[in-house]
Protein backbone atom coordinates (compact mmCIF):
# COMPACT_ATOMS: atom_id res chain seq x y z
CA MET A 1 35.60 -90.15 205.86
CA SER A 2 34.76 -87.08 204.46
CA ALA A 3 31.76 -85.27 205.44
CA GLU A 4 32.20 -82.25 202.50
CA PRO A 5 30.06 -83.57 200.27
CA ILE A 6 27.26 -84.40 202.75
CA ILE A 7 27.94 -80.65 203.66
CA TYR A 8 27.32 -79.34 200.25
CA GLY A 9 23.96 -80.86 200.13
CA LEU A 10 22.78 -79.62 203.31
CA ILE A 11 23.64 -76.05 202.37
CA PHE A 12 22.19 -76.31 199.61
CA ILE A 13 18.89 -77.46 200.92
CA ALA A 14 19.08 -74.82 203.51
CA VAL A 15 19.40 -72.09 200.44
CA LEU A 16 15.85 -73.16 199.19
CA VAL A 17 14.19 -73.28 202.75
CA LEU A 18 15.70 -69.95 203.26
CA VAL A 19 14.72 -68.52 200.07
CA GLU A 20 11.12 -69.82 200.87
CA GLY A 21 10.57 -68.63 204.37
CA LEU A 22 12.28 -65.12 202.91
CA TYR A 23 9.07 -65.09 200.66
CA LEU A 24 6.63 -65.86 203.02
CA VAL A 25 7.73 -63.57 205.45
CA ALA A 26 7.67 -60.73 202.96
CA PHE A 27 4.67 -61.18 201.45
CA GLY A 28 2.61 -63.53 203.72
CA LYS A 29 1.12 -67.27 203.75
CA SER A 30 -1.60 -66.21 201.08
CA ILE A 31 1.47 -65.99 198.62
CA SER A 32 2.29 -69.64 198.59
CA LEU A 33 0.69 -71.89 196.34
CA ASN A 34 -0.46 -74.40 199.00
CA SER A 35 -2.96 -72.30 200.33
CA ARG A 36 -4.99 -71.80 197.58
CA VAL A 37 -6.29 -68.79 199.42
CA ASN A 38 -7.58 -65.84 196.99
CA ARG A 39 -5.09 -63.64 197.18
CA ARG A 40 -6.86 -60.89 195.25
CA LEU A 41 -10.09 -61.32 197.15
CA GLU A 42 -7.90 -61.11 200.66
CA MET A 43 -6.66 -57.73 199.61
CA LEU A 44 -9.76 -56.20 198.82
CA GLU A 45 -11.40 -58.09 201.96
CA LYS A 46 -8.43 -55.97 204.30
CA GLY A 47 -9.43 -52.82 202.76
CA THR A 48 -6.57 -52.20 199.84
CA ARG A 49 -8.24 -50.01 196.90
CA ARG A 50 -9.32 -51.78 193.84
CA GLU A 51 -7.02 -49.52 191.99
CA GLU A 52 -3.88 -50.52 194.19
CA VAL A 53 -4.94 -54.27 193.86
CA LEU A 54 -4.88 -54.46 190.40
CA ASP A 55 -1.47 -52.45 189.94
CA LYS A 56 0.20 -54.55 192.66
CA LEU A 57 -1.02 -57.61 190.84
CA ARG A 58 -0.25 -56.74 187.52
CA LYS A 59 3.34 -55.35 188.56
CA GLU A 60 4.26 -59.11 189.59
CA MET A 61 2.91 -60.33 186.78
CA GLN A 62 4.69 -58.46 184.30
CA GLN A 63 7.55 -57.20 185.88
CA HIS A 64 10.27 -59.45 185.14
CA MET A 65 9.75 -59.65 181.46
CA LYS A 66 10.86 -56.08 181.49
CA ALA A 67 14.00 -56.86 183.56
CA ARG A 68 15.56 -59.07 180.66
CA THR A 69 18.50 -56.90 180.16
CA ILE A 70 19.97 -56.94 183.58
CA PRO A 71 23.07 -59.07 183.31
CA LEU A 72 22.43 -63.35 183.46
CA TYR A 73 18.78 -62.55 184.68
CA SER A 74 17.26 -63.45 180.94
CA LEU A 75 17.74 -66.52 182.02
CA LEU A 76 15.48 -66.10 185.03
CA ALA A 77 12.95 -64.10 183.49
CA GLU A 78 10.60 -66.29 181.78
CA LYS A 79 10.20 -68.65 185.10
CA ALA A 80 10.28 -65.77 187.20
CA GLN A 81 7.08 -64.05 185.00
CA LYS A 82 5.06 -67.53 184.88
CA ALA A 83 5.38 -68.16 188.57
CA ALA A 84 4.33 -64.27 189.22
CA ILE A 85 7.41 -63.72 191.40
CA ALA A 86 6.36 -60.96 193.80
CA PHE A 87 10.47 -60.35 194.60
CA THR A 88 11.10 -57.67 191.92
CA PRO A 89 14.41 -58.41 189.31
CA GLN A 90 17.02 -56.39 191.65
CA GLN A 91 15.50 -58.01 195.12
CA LEU A 92 16.31 -61.35 193.58
CA VAL A 93 19.65 -60.57 192.42
CA MET A 94 20.30 -58.94 195.70
CA ILE A 95 19.09 -62.10 197.01
CA MET A 96 21.53 -64.41 194.53
CA GLY A 97 24.40 -61.83 196.00
CA GLY A 98 23.35 -62.40 199.76
CA LEU A 99 23.12 -66.21 199.70
CA SER A 100 26.74 -66.56 198.04
CA VAL A 101 27.80 -64.48 200.75
CA PHE A 102 26.30 -66.97 203.39
CA ILE A 103 27.19 -70.19 201.49
CA PHE A 104 30.86 -68.56 201.89
CA LEU A 105 30.67 -68.61 205.26
CA ALA A 106 29.26 -71.57 205.69
CA LEU A 107 31.85 -73.53 203.57
CA THR A 108 34.83 -71.42 205.02
CA ILE A 109 33.59 -72.50 208.57
CA GLY A 110 32.70 -76.19 207.99
CA THR A 111 34.96 -77.28 205.26
CA ALA A 112 38.64 -76.71 204.36
CA THR A 113 38.42 -76.37 200.56
CA GLU A 114 40.81 -74.18 198.78
CA VAL A 115 39.08 -70.36 198.72
CA SER A 116 38.86 -70.28 194.77
CA VAL A 117 36.52 -73.64 195.12
CA ARG A 118 34.52 -71.92 198.01
CA VAL A 119 33.84 -68.93 195.74
CA ALA A 120 32.97 -71.09 192.92
CA MET A 121 30.81 -73.19 194.76
CA SER A 122 28.94 -70.44 196.54
CA ILE A 123 28.23 -68.41 193.39
CA GLY A 124 26.81 -71.10 191.69
CA MET A 125 24.54 -72.54 194.70
CA GLY A 126 23.60 -68.89 195.34
CA ILE A 127 22.80 -68.59 191.85
CA GLY A 128 21.48 -72.09 191.24
CA GLY A 129 19.49 -72.41 194.13
CA VAL A 130 17.54 -69.17 193.38
CA PHE A 131 16.78 -70.59 189.93
CA MET A 132 16.05 -73.98 191.24
CA TRP A 133 13.42 -72.06 193.48
CA VAL A 134 11.71 -69.92 190.66
CA SER A 135 11.46 -73.04 188.65
CA MET A 136 9.86 -75.11 191.06
CA LYS A 137 7.36 -72.14 191.48
CA ALA A 138 6.60 -71.50 188.18
CA ASN A 139 6.21 -75.57 186.83
CA LYS A 140 3.97 -75.83 190.70
CA ARG A 141 2.01 -72.66 189.41
CA MET A 142 1.53 -73.52 185.76
CA SER A 143 -0.03 -77.02 186.30
CA LEU A 144 -2.78 -75.50 188.60
CA ILE A 145 -3.52 -73.40 186.22
CA GLU A 146 -3.93 -75.67 183.48
CA GLU A 147 -5.57 -77.96 186.29
CA GLN A 148 -7.88 -75.18 187.01
CA LEU A 149 -9.29 -73.86 183.37
CA PRO A 150 -11.68 -76.47 182.47
CA ASP A 151 -13.70 -75.98 185.58
CA ALA A 152 -13.36 -72.16 184.76
CA VAL A 153 -14.11 -71.83 181.55
CA GLU A 154 -17.25 -74.51 182.41
CA LEU A 155 -18.34 -72.17 185.30
CA MET A 156 -18.19 -69.37 182.57
CA VAL A 157 -20.41 -71.18 180.34
CA ARG A 158 -23.28 -71.56 183.35
CA SER A 159 -22.77 -67.86 183.86
CA LEU A 160 -23.30 -66.92 180.24
CA ARG A 161 -26.03 -69.63 179.93
CA VAL A 162 -28.09 -67.57 183.31
CA GLY A 163 -27.74 -64.09 181.12
CA HIS A 164 -24.68 -62.65 182.61
CA PRO A 165 -22.46 -60.55 180.28
CA PHE A 166 -19.11 -62.09 179.95
CA VAL A 167 -16.97 -59.68 181.59
CA ASN A 168 -19.07 -60.64 184.49
CA ALA A 169 -18.72 -64.01 184.10
CA VAL A 170 -14.92 -63.67 184.01
CA SER A 171 -15.67 -61.62 187.69
CA ILE A 172 -17.55 -64.87 188.81
CA VAL A 173 -14.97 -66.78 187.81
CA SER A 174 -12.42 -64.66 189.87
CA ARG A 175 -14.20 -64.51 192.66
CA GLU A 176 -15.61 -68.65 192.98
CA ILE A 177 -12.17 -70.41 191.97
CA GLN A 178 -8.60 -70.75 193.95
CA ASP A 179 -5.90 -69.12 193.31
CA PRO A 180 -3.56 -68.72 190.86
CA LEU A 181 -6.26 -68.67 188.37
CA ALA A 182 -8.24 -66.86 190.31
CA SER A 183 -6.10 -63.68 190.63
CA GLU A 184 -5.43 -64.13 186.82
CA PHE A 185 -9.03 -63.84 186.14
CA GLY A 186 -9.66 -61.26 188.76
CA VAL A 187 -6.58 -58.90 186.95
CA ILE A 188 -8.81 -59.45 183.74
CA ALA A 189 -11.83 -58.35 185.04
CA ASP A 190 -10.41 -55.56 187.22
CA GLU A 191 -8.96 -54.12 183.51
CA ALA A 192 -11.99 -55.04 181.74
CA ALA A 193 -14.18 -52.94 184.50
CA TYR A 194 -11.34 -50.16 183.72
CA GLY A 195 -12.38 -49.95 179.93
CA ARG A 196 -9.69 -52.15 178.27
CA ASP A 197 -10.75 -54.91 175.61
CA ILE A 198 -11.37 -58.20 177.38
CA GLY A 199 -10.42 -60.10 174.48
CA GLU A 200 -6.83 -58.03 174.42
CA ALA A 201 -6.75 -58.41 177.95
CA LEU A 202 -7.08 -62.40 177.30
CA LYS A 203 -4.54 -62.38 174.57
CA ASP A 204 -1.95 -60.99 176.76
CA MET A 205 -2.03 -63.33 179.58
CA ALA A 206 -1.88 -66.45 177.27
CA GLU A 207 1.38 -65.03 175.96
CA ARG A 208 2.39 -64.11 178.98
CA LEU A 209 1.70 -67.85 180.22
CA ASP A 210 2.61 -69.17 177.10
CA MET A 211 -0.82 -71.56 177.44
CA GLN A 212 -1.66 -72.49 174.24
CA ASP A 213 -5.33 -73.59 176.09
CA MET A 214 -5.29 -69.91 176.90
CA ARG A 215 -4.39 -68.91 173.67
CA PHE A 216 -7.91 -71.17 172.18
CA LEU A 217 -10.06 -68.98 174.87
CA ALA A 218 -8.84 -65.63 173.85
CA VAL A 219 -9.63 -66.34 169.58
CA ALA A 220 -12.84 -67.58 170.71
CA VAL A 221 -13.75 -64.98 172.33
CA THR A 222 -12.04 -62.66 170.20
CA ILE A 223 -14.10 -64.36 166.81
CA GLN A 224 -17.22 -64.08 168.85
CA GLN A 225 -16.77 -60.12 169.66
CA GLN A 226 -16.34 -59.58 165.81
CA SER A 227 -18.71 -62.16 164.34
CA GLY A 228 -21.39 -62.63 167.29
CA GLY A 229 -22.69 -66.20 167.86
CA ASN A 230 -23.63 -68.17 170.97
CA LEU A 231 -20.36 -67.90 173.07
CA ALA A 232 -21.90 -70.02 175.63
CA GLU A 233 -21.94 -73.30 173.54
CA ILE A 234 -18.23 -72.34 171.41
CA LEU A 235 -16.98 -72.43 175.26
CA ALA A 236 -18.57 -75.18 176.44
CA GLY A 237 -17.21 -76.95 173.64
CA LEU A 238 -13.98 -75.40 173.93
CA ALA A 239 -14.01 -76.97 177.73
CA LYS A 240 -14.34 -80.39 176.52
CA VAL A 241 -11.10 -80.08 174.04
CA ILE A 242 -9.13 -78.58 176.90
CA ARG A 243 -10.30 -81.21 179.65
CA ALA A 244 -9.53 -83.94 176.44
CA ARG A 245 -6.18 -82.06 176.20
CA PHE A 246 -5.41 -82.22 179.79
CA ARG A 247 -6.17 -85.52 179.96
CA LEU A 248 -4.25 -86.81 177.18
CA PHE A 249 -1.19 -84.46 178.42
CA ARG A 250 -1.24 -86.45 181.68
CA LYS A 251 -1.21 -90.18 179.66
CA VAL A 252 2.03 -88.83 177.90
CA LYS A 253 3.57 -87.40 181.16
CA ALA A 254 3.02 -90.85 182.46
CA ILE A 255 4.43 -92.68 179.34
CA THR A 256 6.95 -90.97 179.17
CA ALA A 257 8.05 -90.35 183.23
CA GLU A 258 10.52 -94.00 182.81
CA ALA A 259 12.23 -92.92 180.16
CA LYS A 260 13.12 -89.10 181.76
CA TRP A 261 13.87 -90.51 185.22
CA SER A 262 16.26 -92.85 183.50
CA GLY A 263 18.07 -90.01 182.05
CA LYS A 264 18.56 -88.49 185.07
CA PHE A 265 19.47 -91.61 186.72
CA LEU A 266 22.08 -92.13 184.27
CA SER A 267 23.43 -89.09 184.49
CA GLY A 268 23.18 -88.56 188.23
CA PHE A 269 24.63 -92.02 188.63
CA PRO A 270 28.46 -91.28 187.90
CA VAL A 271 28.40 -88.32 190.25
CA GLY A 272 26.75 -89.90 192.94
CA ALA A 273 28.84 -92.86 192.72
CA LEU A 274 32.10 -90.34 192.71
CA ILE A 275 30.57 -88.61 196.05
CA VAL A 276 30.35 -91.89 197.68
CA ILE A 277 33.47 -93.23 197.04
CA ASN A 278 35.20 -89.94 198.07
CA VAL A 279 32.83 -90.16 200.87
CA ALA A 280 33.88 -93.94 201.76
CA LYS A 281 37.45 -93.55 200.74
CA PRO A 282 38.62 -89.94 200.23
CA GLY A 283 42.45 -91.15 199.06
CA TYR A 284 40.57 -93.41 196.06
CA TYR A 285 41.35 -91.06 193.48
CA ASP A 286 44.94 -89.35 194.46
CA GLU A 287 46.94 -91.63 192.04
CA VAL A 288 44.64 -90.47 189.32
CA LYS A 289 44.54 -86.96 189.90
CA GLU A 290 48.32 -86.77 189.17
CA THR A 291 48.09 -87.89 185.43
CA PRO A 292 47.98 -84.94 182.85
CA TYR A 293 44.55 -86.30 181.77
CA PHE A 294 42.45 -86.29 185.02
CA ILE A 295 40.96 -82.58 184.36
CA PRO A 296 40.22 -83.28 180.64
CA ALA A 297 38.55 -86.77 181.39
CA CYS A 298 36.28 -84.49 183.87
CA PHE A 299 35.27 -82.09 181.65
CA PHE A 300 34.18 -84.77 178.77
CA VAL A 301 32.65 -86.72 181.21
CA ALA A 302 30.33 -83.66 182.12
CA ILE A 303 29.92 -82.69 178.86
CA PHE A 304 28.53 -85.93 177.91
CA LEU A 305 26.55 -86.63 180.75
CA GLY A 306 25.02 -82.78 180.15
CA ILE A 307 24.08 -84.25 176.50
CA ASN A 308 22.72 -87.28 177.75
CA LEU A 309 20.10 -85.05 179.75
CA LEU A 310 19.35 -82.78 177.17
CA VAL A 311 18.70 -85.34 174.64
CA MET A 312 16.22 -87.52 177.31
CA ARG A 313 14.86 -84.07 177.62
CA VAL A 314 14.11 -83.63 173.82
CA LEU A 315 13.42 -87.19 173.15
CA THR A 316 10.60 -87.24 176.17
CA ASN A 317 9.49 -83.53 175.45
CA ILE A 318 5.97 -84.43 173.15
CA LYS A 319 3.90 -81.38 172.74
CA VAL A 320 0.24 -81.90 173.13
């Protein structure tokens, strides 16, 4: 019985844990989305100047899309930007390289596979592990922001109704809610305090996060600045729309979950069966491996499994 597939799985899990550990060690527990700590306020309370905090957070939020010229990094840049990964693009590339070396050494010690296979697996798992970690961070951060946004807009409405200007309302939101949205609005409040147009800052944030609800907020504020009107009433209506869209999105997500997981299961089952058979009976495929059709058949199966995943993703990707 071969234990190599199990070793591959354990090494990949170790890669994800290692990257998360490096991230927390380098930037502190407050950067974790699980802590829900207002990281901007924490830095200010430690005595860091407001300008330095603004520069640091703005760099984290914008640095990745500026580095799309780095080879292969363009595939990761959009996800890293949405996740606001504090690692610089160069550091992420170095981590990929370091993890690939670590995986190669682990495979050399724990398996007896050929050198070419170990090199390919090391590079694939090193890059794939970082990509998966960034993707999970981005998905979790965007989900939290979407969940927090209706409450944030309603807090702005209450602040406007008691007489605060809109800039002050944004600043209040940045202090009263939790991260990740608190730091995003904190950056906008700081930029507005230093003279930037708040409508423009909101628009940039909406484009950076690629959020339709945030675009609605930016458009509402910009139109009110140009034409006037009761911003509190406009935002109160917007909050209801955002909350209704969020409920509809959750409903659609629940309805399509079965189809999504069916597609993943149907694509993953042949691979899982192959691994189980190899572990239970390593010589099971020895006869067919020698035939000239084995490698082409493997490629065709892999291609069709990939197409199945893509088709199911397109069919269940319903925009709300």
